[in-house]
Protein backbone atom coordinates (compact mmCIF):
# COMPACT_ATOMS: atom_id res chain seq x y z
CA UNK A 1 6.42 20.07 -18.93
CA UNK A 2 3.60 19.24 -21.04
CA UNK A 3 5.49 15.81 -21.59
CA UNK A 4 6.04 15.55 -17.80
CA UNK A 5 1.59 16.40 -17.20
CA UNK A 6 0.69 13.72 -20.33
CA UNK A 7 2.89 11.49 -18.19
CA UNK A 8 1.24 12.15 -15.11
CA UNK A 9 -1.70 11.58 -16.61
CA UNK A 10 -0.71 8.53 -18.04
CA UNK A 11 0.24 6.89 -14.43
CA UNK A 12 -3.45 8.16 -12.90
CA UNK A 13 -5.14 6.13 -15.84
CA UNK A 14 -2.58 3.40 -14.98
CA UNK A 15 -3.98 3.25 -11.12
CA UNK A 16 -7.33 3.14 -12.27
CA UNK A 17 -6.78 0.58 -14.82
CA UNK A 18 -4.89 -1.66 -12.51
CA UNK A 19 -6.68 -1.92 -9.51
CA UNK A 20 -4.36 0.65 -7.92
CA UNK A 21 -6.62 3.76 -7.06
CA UNK A 22 -10.03 5.00 -8.55
CA UNK A 23 -12.24 8.07 -7.83
CA UNK A 24 -14.82 7.97 -4.21
CA UNK A 25 -17.85 7.17 -5.38
CA UNK A 26 -17.52 7.21 -9.20
CA UNK A 27 -20.55 5.57 -9.42
CA UNK A 28 -22.08 8.47 -8.28
CA UNK A 29 -19.99 10.74 -10.94
CA UNK A 30 -17.07 11.00 -7.69
CA UNK A 31 -16.12 13.06 -4.82
CA UNK A 32 -13.68 16.11 -5.53
CA UNK A 33 -10.57 15.05 -3.98
CA UNK A 34 -11.78 11.96 -2.13
CA UNK A 35 -10.04 8.68 -3.76
CA UNK A 36 -10.59 5.15 -3.03
CA UNK A 37 -7.37 2.53 -2.97
CA UNK A 38 -8.24 -0.70 -5.02
CA UNK A 39 -6.90 -4.15 -4.22
CA UNK A 40 -3.50 -3.48 -5.31
CA UNK A 41 -3.30 0.56 -4.14
CA UNK A 42 -4.61 -1.23 -0.80
CA UNK A 43 -2.09 -3.45 -0.37
CA UNK A 44 0.78 -1.18 -2.06
CA UNK A 45 -0.29 1.42 1.08
CA UNK A 46 -0.50 -1.15 3.70
CA UNK A 47 3.73 -2.36 2.48
CA UNK A 48 4.39 0.97 2.91
CA UNK A 49 2.70 1.97 6.27
CA UNK A 50 3.94 -1.40 8.11
CA UNK A 51 7.92 -0.49 6.65
CA UNK A 52 7.27 2.71 8.22
CA UNK A 53 6.16 1.67 11.64
CA UNK A 54 8.81 -1.33 11.59
CA UNK A 55 11.50 1.16 11.15
CA UNK A 56 10.22 3.33 13.79
CA UNK A 57 8.95 0.93 16.39
CA UNK A 58 10.66 -2.59 16.17
CA UNK A 59 14.29 -0.98 15.05
CA UNK A 60 14.21 1.90 17.51
CA UNK A 61 14.50 0.53 21.58
CA UNK A 62 13.17 4.01 22.44
CA UNK A 63 10.15 4.70 20.07
CA UNK A 64 6.23 2.66 21.18
CA UNK A 65 3.37 3.30 18.99
CA UNK A 66 -0.48 4.47 19.78
CA UNK A 67 -3.40 4.40 18.08
CA UNK A 68 -5.47 7.59 18.77
CA UNK A 69 -8.84 8.36 18.08
CA UNK A 70 -10.00 10.63 14.95
CA UNK A 71 -12.91 12.68 17.52
CA UNK A 72 -11.24 14.59 20.49
CA UNK A 73 -12.30 16.55 22.82
CA UNK A 74 -12.61 20.83 21.36
CA UNK A 75 -10.17 22.14 23.63
CA UNK A 76 -7.79 20.11 22.30
CA UNK A 77 -7.97 21.75 19.20
CA UNK A 78 -8.13 25.31 20.92
CA UNK A 79 -4.62 24.27 23.14
CA UNK A 80 -3.62 23.62 19.34
CA UNK A 81 -4.04 26.81 17.74
CA UNK A 82 -6.54 25.08 14.98
CA UNK A 83 -9.42 26.40 16.23
CA UNK A 84 -8.13 29.97 15.74
CA UNK A 85 -5.36 29.76 13.48
CA UNK A 86 -5.69 27.08 11.05
CA UNK A 87 -6.99 28.93 7.87
CA UNK A 88 -6.22 30.02 4.45
CA UNK A 89 -6.93 33.12 2.90
CA UNK A 90 -9.01 32.73 0.30
CA UNK A 91 -11.26 34.85 -2.68
CA UNK A 92 -13.89 34.51 -4.48
CA UNK A 93 -14.40 35.65 -8.05
CA UNK A 94 -18.44 36.95 -8.56
CA UNK A 95 -18.75 35.68 -11.94
CA UNK A 96 -17.86 32.20 -11.99
CA UNK A 97 -18.10 31.98 -7.93
CA UNK A 98 -15.12 29.96 -7.84
CA UNK A 99 -12.80 29.74 -4.34
CA UNK A 100 -9.44 30.33 -4.79
CA UNK A 101 -6.87 30.38 -2.11
CA UNK A 102 -4.87 32.85 -2.53
CA UNK A 103 -1.09 31.65 -2.79
CA UNK A 104 -2.34 29.22 -5.51
CA UNK A 105 -4.04 32.16 -7.45
CA UNK A 106 -0.50 34.13 -7.37
CA UNK A 107 1.23 31.40 -7.79
CA UNK A 108 -0.58 30.26 -10.84
CA UNK A 109 -0.20 34.00 -12.41
CA UNK A 110 4.01 33.82 -11.75
CA UNK A 111 3.67 30.85 -13.90
CA UNK A 112 2.98 33.14 -16.92
CA UNK A 113 5.42 36.13 -15.88
CA UNK A 114 9.52 36.35 -16.09
CA UNK A 115 11.72 34.62 -13.77
CA UNK A 116 12.80 37.84 -11.93
CA UNK A 117 8.79 39.52 -12.15
CA UNK A 118 7.27 36.07 -10.72
CA UNK A 119 10.06 36.23 -7.96
CA UNK A 120 9.35 39.72 -6.37
CA UNK A 121 5.71 39.28 -6.87
CA UNK A 122 6.32 35.60 -4.61
CA UNK A 123 8.34 38.22 -2.50
CA UNK A 124 5.48 40.26 -2.04
CA UNK A 125 2.76 37.62 -1.51
CA UNK A 126 4.43 36.10 1.15
CA UNK A 127 5.20 39.56 3.26
CA UNK A 128 1.50 39.73 2.96
CA UNK A 129 0.87 36.59 4.08
CA UNK A 130 3.39 37.16 6.85
CA UNK A 131 1.38 39.94 7.78
CA UNK A 132 -2.19 38.69 7.53
CA UNK A 133 -2.60 41.87 5.79
CA UNK A 134 -6.09 40.58 3.59
CA UNK A 135 -6.55 43.89 1.90
CA UNK A 136 -3.19 44.06 0.60
CA UNK A 137 -3.48 40.48 -0.82
CA UNK A 138 -6.55 41.76 -2.63
CA UNK A 139 -4.87 44.77 -3.65
CA UNK A 140 -1.97 42.74 -5.18
CA UNK A 141 -4.14 40.32 -7.07
CA UNK A 142 -6.36 43.11 -8.33
CA UNK A 143 -3.33 45.61 -9.25
CA UNK A 144 -1.71 42.50 -10.78
CA UNK A 145 -4.75 42.01 -12.93
CA UNK A 146 -4.61 38.20 -11.76
CA UNK A 147 -7.85 36.65 -13.63
CA UNK A 148 -10.32 33.90 -12.59
CA UNK A 149 -9.39 30.81 -15.15
CA UNK A 150 -12.82 30.23 -15.52
CA UNK A 151 -14.37 33.27 -16.40
CA UNK A 152 -11.36 35.14 -17.40
CA UNK A 153 -12.72 38.58 -15.35
CA UNK A 154 -10.95 40.12 -12.11
CA UNK A 155 -14.00 40.84 -10.19
CA UNK A 156 -13.10 39.39 -6.94
CA UNK A 157 -14.43 39.69 -3.56
CA UNK A 158 -12.71 40.36 -0.32
CA UNK A 159 -9.95 37.81 1.02
CA UNK A 160 -11.35 36.07 3.99
CA UNK A 161 -9.90 33.57 6.61
CA UNK A 162 -11.54 30.23 5.90
CA UNK A 163 -10.97 27.57 8.44
CA UNK A 164 -9.49 24.19 7.53
CA UNK A 165 -11.45 22.07 9.83
CA UNK A 166 -13.91 19.84 9.93
CA UNK A 167 -16.41 20.18 12.11
CA UNK A 168 -19.35 17.97 13.11
CA UNK A 169 -21.77 17.07 16.42
CA UNK A 170 -21.56 14.92 19.26
CA UNK A 171 -24.52 13.48 21.25
CA UNK A 172 -28.10 11.89 20.55
CA UNK A 173 -29.77 15.15 19.89
CA UNK A 174 -28.69 17.61 17.50
CA UNK A 175 -29.99 20.35 19.25
CA UNK A 176 -28.15 19.36 22.50
CA UNK A 177 -24.69 18.22 20.62
CA UNK A 178 -21.35 19.53 20.40
CA UNK A 179 -19.59 20.37 18.16
CA UNK A 180 -16.21 18.47 17.40
CA UNK A 181 -14.01 18.59 14.76
CA UNK A 182 -12.36 15.69 12.88
CA UNK A 183 -8.75 15.73 13.51
CA UNK A 184 -6.74 17.91 10.94
CA UNK A 185 -3.68 16.06 12.07
CA UNK A 186 -2.46 13.06 14.16
CA UNK A 187 0.23 14.53 16.55
CA UNK A 188 -2.12 15.91 19.36
CA UNK A 189 -3.63 12.60 20.15
CA UNK A 190 0.22 11.75 20.82
CA UNK A 191 0.56 14.62 23.06
CA UNK A 192 -2.27 14.54 24.74
CA UNK A 193 -0.98 10.93 25.57
CA UNK A 194 2.26 11.81 26.44
CA UNK A 195 2.03 11.53 30.48
CA UNK A 196 -0.11 7.91 29.65
CA UNK A 197 2.69 6.22 27.50
CA UNK A 198 5.14 7.66 29.72
CA UNK A 199 4.33 6.59 33.03
CA UNK A 200 2.96 3.18 31.44
CA UNK A 201 6.41 2.36 29.22
CA UNK A 202 8.35 3.51 32.18
CA UNK A 203 9.70 5.62 28.96
CA UNK A 204 13.18 7.30 29.45
CA UNK A 205 14.03 10.69 28.05
CA UNK A 206 14.72 10.47 25.28
CA UNK A 207 11.57 8.83 23.68
CA UNK A 208 9.74 8.50 20.76
CA UNK A 209 5.63 7.96 20.35
CA UNK A 210 4.90 6.97 16.59
CA UNK A 211 1.36 6.10 15.07
CA UNK A 212 -0.63 6.28 11.72
CA UNK A 213 -3.91 7.70 10.67
CA UNK A 214 -6.07 9.23 8.86
CA UNK A 215 -6.68 13.18 9.24
CA UNK A 216 -9.01 15.67 7.36
CA UNK A 217 -8.73 19.42 5.96
CA UNK A 218 -11.05 21.08 4.11
CA UNK A 219 -8.98 21.77 0.93
CA UNK A 220 -10.94 24.14 -1.08
CA UNK A 221 -8.48 23.41 -3.60
CA UNK A 222 -6.89 19.72 -3.58
CA UNK A 223 -4.93 19.18 -6.60
CA UNK A 224 -2.12 17.03 -8.43
CA UNK A 225 -4.49 13.55 -7.73
CA UNK A 226 -3.94 12.63 -4.24
CA UNK A 227 -1.08 14.36 -3.16
CA UNK A 228 -3.32 17.34 -1.38
CA UNK A 229 -6.53 15.68 -0.55
CA UNK A 230 -9.77 16.16 1.77
CA UNK A 231 -9.24 12.74 3.72
CA UNK A 232 -5.34 11.25 3.44
CA UNK A 233 -3.35 9.10 5.99
CA UNK A 234 0.23 10.53 7.98
CA UNK A 235 2.59 8.79 9.47
CA UNK A 236 4.13 10.83 12.61
CA UNK A 237 6.25 10.34 15.21
CA UNK A 238 6.80 12.59 17.96
CA UNK A 239 9.82 12.62 19.82
CA UNK A 240 10.47 14.05 23.28
CA UNK A 241 13.87 15.63 24.47
CA UNK A 242 15.52 17.50 27.36
CA UNK A 243 15.78 20.78 26.39
CA UNK A 244 18.97 22.16 24.90
CA UNK A 245 19.26 18.72 23.03
CA UNK A 246 16.80 19.50 20.69
CA UNK A 247 19.25 20.86 17.71
CA UNK A 248 21.61 17.54 18.32
CA UNK A 249 18.23 15.56 17.75
CA UNK A 250 16.84 17.71 14.79
CA UNK A 251 19.41 17.03 12.84
CA UNK A 252 19.83 13.00 13.58
CA UNK A 253 15.53 12.72 12.34
CA UNK A 254 16.56 14.95 9.70
CA UNK A 255 19.43 12.51 8.32
CA UNK A 256 17.84 9.41 9.63
CA UNK A 257 14.51 10.08 7.59
CA UNK A 258 16.06 10.60 4.41
CA UNK A 259 18.34 7.56 4.69
CA UNK A 260 15.18 5.62 5.15
CA UNK A 261 13.43 7.04 2.42
CA UNK A 262 16.31 5.84 -0.11
CA UNK A 263 16.11 2.29 1.85
CA UNK A 264 12.66 1.80 0.46
CA UNK A 265 13.77 2.60 -3.39
CA UNK A 266 14.11 6.45 -3.52
CA UNK A 267 17.09 7.54 -5.38
CA UNK A 268 19.05 10.15 -3.75
CA UNK A 269 19.24 12.73 -6.52
CA UNK A 270 15.16 12.61 -6.25
CA UNK A 271 15.39 14.23 -2.83
CA UNK A 272 16.38 17.36 -1.16
CA UNK A 273 16.52 19.17 2.30
CA UNK A 274 14.08 22.43 2.08
CA UNK A 275 14.77 25.09 5.20
CA UNK A 276 11.87 26.96 6.24
CA UNK A 277 12.68 30.76 6.32
CA UNK A 278 9.69 31.57 7.83
CA UNK A 279 9.56 29.39 11.01
CA UNK A 280 6.17 28.76 13.12
CA UNK A 281 5.82 30.54 16.09
CA UNK A 282 6.26 28.01 18.16
CA UNK A 283 9.75 26.06 16.19
CA UNK A 284 13.06 27.17 16.11
CA UNK A 285 13.91 24.89 12.95
CA UNK A 286 12.44 23.16 10.53
CA UNK A 287 12.84 21.59 6.88
CA UNK A 288 11.01 19.22 4.39
CA UNK A 289 12.35 16.35 2.41
CA UNK A 290 11.29 17.16 -0.96
CA UNK A 291 10.63 14.94 -3.79
CA UNK A 292 11.11 15.42 -7.31
CA UNK A 293 7.28 14.51 -8.48
CA UNK A 294 5.92 14.62 -12.44
CA UNK A 295 4.49 18.19 -11.33
CA UNK A 296 7.86 20.01 -10.18
CA UNK A 297 9.71 19.54 -6.53
CA UNK A 298 6.97 19.15 -3.88
CA UNK A 299 6.95 18.43 0.05
CA UNK A 300 7.30 14.61 1.06
CA UNK A 301 8.04 14.58 4.70
CA UNK A 302 8.36 17.59 7.16
CA UNK A 303 11.13 17.41 10.57
CA UNK A 304 10.06 20.25 12.96
CA UNK A 305 11.60 21.21 16.44
CA UNK A 306 8.57 22.29 18.08
CA UNK A 307 10.12 23.90 21.42
CA UNK A 308 7.79 22.70 24.44
CA UNK A 309 5.13 24.91 23.12
CA UNK A 310 2.36 21.62 22.20
CA UNK A 311 2.91 20.21 25.62
CA UNK A 312 3.18 23.58 27.25
CA UNK A 313 -0.25 24.44 25.65
CA UNK A 314 -1.84 21.13 26.49
CA UNK A 315 -0.44 22.10 30.43
CA UNK A 316 -2.50 25.22 30.18
CA UNK A 317 -4.90 24.73 28.68
CA UNK A 318 -6.20 21.15 30.98
CA UNK A 319 -4.96 22.87 33.87
CA UNK A 320 -3.11 19.59 34.71
CA UNK A 321 1.03 19.43 35.21
CA UNK A 322 2.14 17.78 31.99
CA UNK A 323 6.21 17.32 33.28
CA UNK A 324 9.04 14.76 33.09
CA UNK A 325 10.76 14.16 36.84
CA UNK A 326 14.15 13.73 34.92
CA UNK A 327 16.25 11.77 37.49
CA UNK A 328 19.11 10.20 35.33
CA UNK A 329 20.34 14.28 35.30
CA UNK A 330 21.75 13.63 38.86
CA UNK A 331 23.84 10.89 37.64
CA UNK A 332 25.84 13.71 35.33
CA UNK A 333 25.90 15.64 37.87
CA UNK A 334 23.54 18.15 36.73
CA UNK A 335 20.18 19.13 38.96
CA UNK A 336 17.21 16.89 38.02
CA UNK A 337 13.83 17.71 38.90
CA UNK A 338 10.73 17.75 36.48
CA UNK A 339 10.81 19.58 32.96
CA UNK A 340 8.23 20.27 30.18
CA UNK A 341 10.41 18.10 27.26
CA UNK A 342 10.75 19.21 24.10
CA UNK A 343 9.77 17.66 20.64
CA UNK A 344 11.39 17.07 17.48
CA UNK A 345 8.92 16.03 15.35
CA UNK A 346 8.54 13.68 11.59
CA UNK A 347 5.61 13.90 9.53
CA UNK A 348 5.34 11.83 6.22
CA UNK A 349 1.94 11.53 4.49
CA UNK A 350 1.47 7.79 3.15
CA UNK A 351 -0.59 8.64 0.32
CA UNK A 352 2.11 11.10 -0.75
CA UNK A 353 4.57 8.03 -0.24
CA UNK A 354 2.57 5.98 -1.88
CA UNK A 355 2.31 8.68 -5.02
CA UNK A 356 5.85 9.09 -4.55
CA UNK A 357 6.76 5.49 -5.52
CA UNK A 358 4.12 4.80 -8.28
CA UNK A 359 5.77 8.00 -9.91
CA UNK A 360 9.36 6.37 -9.68
CA UNK A 361 8.22 2.91 -10.43
CA UNK A 362 5.91 3.53 -13.70
CA UNK A 363 7.77 3.05 -17.06
CA UNK A 364 7.42 2.54 -20.63
CA UNK A 365 9.88 0.63 -22.69
CA UNK A 366 10.09 -0.11 -26.18
CA UNK A 367 13.00 -2.02 -28.00
CA UNK A 368 13.49 -4.28 -30.80
CA UNK A 369 13.27 -7.77 -31.33
CA UNK A 370 15.57 -9.85 -33.03
CA UNK A 371 13.79 -10.18 -36.16
CA UNK A 372 13.83 -6.77 -36.26
CA UNK A 373 10.21 -5.69 -35.04
CA UNK A 374 9.86 -3.56 -32.31
CA UNK A 375 8.36 -4.58 -28.80
CA UNK A 376 7.05 -2.55 -25.65
CA UNK A 377 5.38 -2.98 -22.47
CA UNK A 378 3.98 -0.38 -19.61
CA UNK A 379 5.54 -1.89 -16.01
CA UNK A 380 5.89 -0.59 -12.21
CA UNK A 381 9.44 -1.35 -11.12
CA UNK A 382 8.05 -1.84 -7.49
CA UNK A 383 11.10 -2.54 -5.20
CA UNK A 384 10.21 -5.94 -4.11
CA UNK A 385 9.55 -5.88 -0.50
CA UNK A 386 6.98 -3.14 -1.01
CA UNK A 387 5.55 -4.48 -4.79
CA UNK A 388 2.10 -5.76 -3.53
CA UNK A 389 1.86 -9.23 -5.06
CA UNK A 390 6.00 -10.65 -4.67
CA UNK A 391 4.87 -13.93 -6.87
CA UNK A 392 2.72 -14.43 -9.40
CA UNK A 393 2.43 -18.81 -10.18
CA UNK A 394 1.35 -19.81 -13.72
CA UNK A 395 0.71 -23.29 -15.19
CA UNK A 396 1.20 -23.27 -18.71
CA UNK A 397 -1.84 -25.13 -19.57
CA UNK A 398 -5.03 -25.52 -17.52
CA UNK A 399 -4.88 -29.59 -18.30
CA UNK A 400 -2.36 -32.14 -17.72
CA UNK A 401 -1.73 -31.76 -13.94
CA UNK A 402 0.04 -28.71 -14.35
CA UNK A 403 -2.74 -26.64 -12.37
CA UNK A 404 -2.06 -29.41 -9.23
CA UNK A 405 1.07 -28.80 -8.96
CA UNK A 406 0.97 -24.76 -9.04
CA UNK A 407 -1.45 -24.86 -6.09
CA UNK A 408 0.59 -27.22 -4.41
CA UNK A 409 3.24 -24.08 -4.67
CA UNK A 410 1.09 -21.46 -4.05
CA UNK A 411 0.14 -23.38 -0.85
CA UNK A 412 3.49 -23.24 -0.19
CA UNK A 413 4.70 -20.10 -0.74
CA UNK A 414 1.11 -17.70 0.27
CA UNK A 415 1.55 -17.82 3.95
CA UNK A 416 4.85 -16.20 3.58
CA UNK A 417 4.60 -13.44 0.81
CA UNK A 418 1.53 -12.23 -1.17
CA UNK A 419 0.77 -14.64 -4.28
CA UNK A 420 -0.90 -13.94 -7.25
CA UNK A 421 -2.04 -17.25 -9.57
CA UNK A 422 -3.51 -16.99 -13.21
CA UNK A 423 -4.21 -19.89 -15.73
CA UNK A 424 -6.55 -17.60 -18.21
CA UNK A 425 -4.49 -16.28 -21.40
CA UNK A 426 -1.27 -17.50 -23.45
CA UNK A 427 1.53 -17.11 -21.28
CA UNK A 428 3.15 -13.96 -22.95
CA UNK A 429 -0.06 -11.71 -21.88
CA UNK A 430 0.18 -12.99 -18.27
CA UNK A 431 3.53 -11.91 -18.28
CA UNK A 432 2.35 -8.46 -19.30
CA UNK A 433 -0.47 -8.24 -16.94
CA UNK A 434 2.05 -9.26 -14.03
CA UNK A 435 4.66 -6.25 -15.59
CA UNK A 436 1.67 -3.65 -14.97
CA UNK A 437 0.59 -4.47 -11.56
CA UNK A 438 4.71 -4.53 -10.66
CA UNK A 439 4.94 -8.50 -9.24
CA UNK A 440 8.64 -8.63 -9.78
CA UNK A 441 8.89 -12.61 -9.96
CA UNK A 442 6.80 -14.86 -12.47
CA UNK A 443 6.62 -18.62 -11.92
CA UNK A 444 5.49 -20.73 -15.14
CA UNK A 445 5.20 -24.81 -14.48
CA UNK A 446 5.18 -26.51 -17.65
CA UNK A 447 5.71 -30.07 -18.82
CA UNK A 448 8.97 -29.58 -17.83
CA UNK A 449 8.35 -29.50 -14.17
CA UNK A 450 6.74 -32.83 -14.28
CA UNK A 451 9.93 -34.61 -15.66
CA UNK A 452 12.24 -32.96 -13.42
CA UNK A 453 11.00 -30.74 -10.95
CA UNK A 454 12.37 -27.46 -12.09
CA UNK A 455 10.34 -24.17 -12.86
CA UNK A 456 11.09 -21.15 -15.24
CA UNK A 457 11.37 -18.04 -13.09
CA UNK A 458 11.31 -14.52 -15.05
CA UNK A 459 12.36 -11.48 -13.59
CA UNK A 460 9.80 -8.17 -14.23
CA UNK A 461 12.98 -5.97 -14.33
CA UNK A 462 15.17 -7.54 -16.69
CA UNK A 463 12.46 -10.05 -18.52
CA UNK A 464 15.41 -12.73 -17.60
CA UNK A 465 14.34 -16.32 -17.55
CA UNK A 466 16.26 -19.07 -15.70
CA UNK A 467 15.40 -22.62 -14.23
CA UNK A 468 15.31 -23.73 -10.81
CA UNK A 469 14.23 -26.56 -8.45
CA UNK A 470 10.30 -26.32 -7.46
CA UNK A 471 11.75 -26.49 -4.11
CA UNK A 472 14.12 -23.38 -4.02
CA UNK A 473 11.46 -20.76 -5.02
CA UNK A 474 10.19 -19.87 -1.76
CA UNK A 475 13.94 -19.42 -0.53
CA UNK A 476 15.10 -17.49 -3.35
CA UNK A 477 11.91 -14.92 -3.07
CA UNK A 478 12.30 -14.30 0.75
CA UNK A 479 15.97 -13.39 -0.32
CA UNK A 480 14.82 -11.22 -3.18
CA UNK A 481 11.86 -9.47 -0.90
CA UNK A 482 14.06 -9.68 2.88
């Protein structure tokens, strides 16, 4: 476990050193649980988002995408249940003034116990959480002598619910302003636009609406780098179906989403399904696709069969009819008419997907050279089709016309994929830098290039080098990243 934690810390340090992720506001000592994506990270994040968007909207005839606003009418969140129910039980230690999420506090304590004892404690906690028994949760903490990690005392406040939504005011004068919320999820923007999209797109059942965008949650205990943040990005698709067919589509999306995760380079053995035993009151099925992060198996993507809860709630609160007239049923010999569609949801955190790719890609390699000495490198083996930079173009020297040839190749390739050009340092050092940022292919222009118009292309993962005609470079890279 210690080795895994150290490995994870090395990944975090690497992300900063090579322009993937920075602590937000680091100049002012940072802001907890908020991060900025650097030049490499922003490109990798965009590539992942584009792959998801293409798979959902371009490759499915019956799914379209929207981009709903972050600010929404406050009644949206009343209808969705977030105003009354989107909260976590919290407890404060009176000596350290540190606030804990109750389940996280108990889970951390369980890690110090024997397996059977810990499992019994978790089962008791789950039962109390399901009943919203706040007094019982405090008693569970005190009776098990669970201490604050800072003060090492058991001097606890009562447990109370803490709403996770960020609120703000809208209006020109503060006294007259109405309270609104930064959205805690992107799904509601889809639900309130159901009729707009269905009518203007002439969509027929079943069909889906996809969206990517920022969401905000006031996490008290944000942890594990970008796994749990206060500002994050979701990629969600709500698939609207006829009542009675939701289980069929739930199983379809369960399999389809796992296959997509594998298609972008995540090994099947690193993924697993985790069925929800305790379902939300509106769901009739739910599961997580979990990934084995360096800190354990955790949720990467959720698949939820949400029944007709969301559209029915918005119909009730808006007092406007939100239904679908299905005249195709008549062709099947069934009565046709209006109904409220059921929904199957797929929801993946883009930041968690980013962390998944980074965790898989970061490798430290050592080997013995022919002379018996040891060599090593740090390499990011990001799959070529999502790598931030696809090709590094490296003239061997900054003279003899080599940079001019290199820039001609750069101008030929950069309209088609992201390239990097560098002249500085020995070629070996440049290769190592490209390994560290995850560039899958490097092309070196040398004096032989001037003689026979060939270049050396180096493959990141194997470090193999071959010579090919310079005219074949663009074609080869396009084949490799397709």
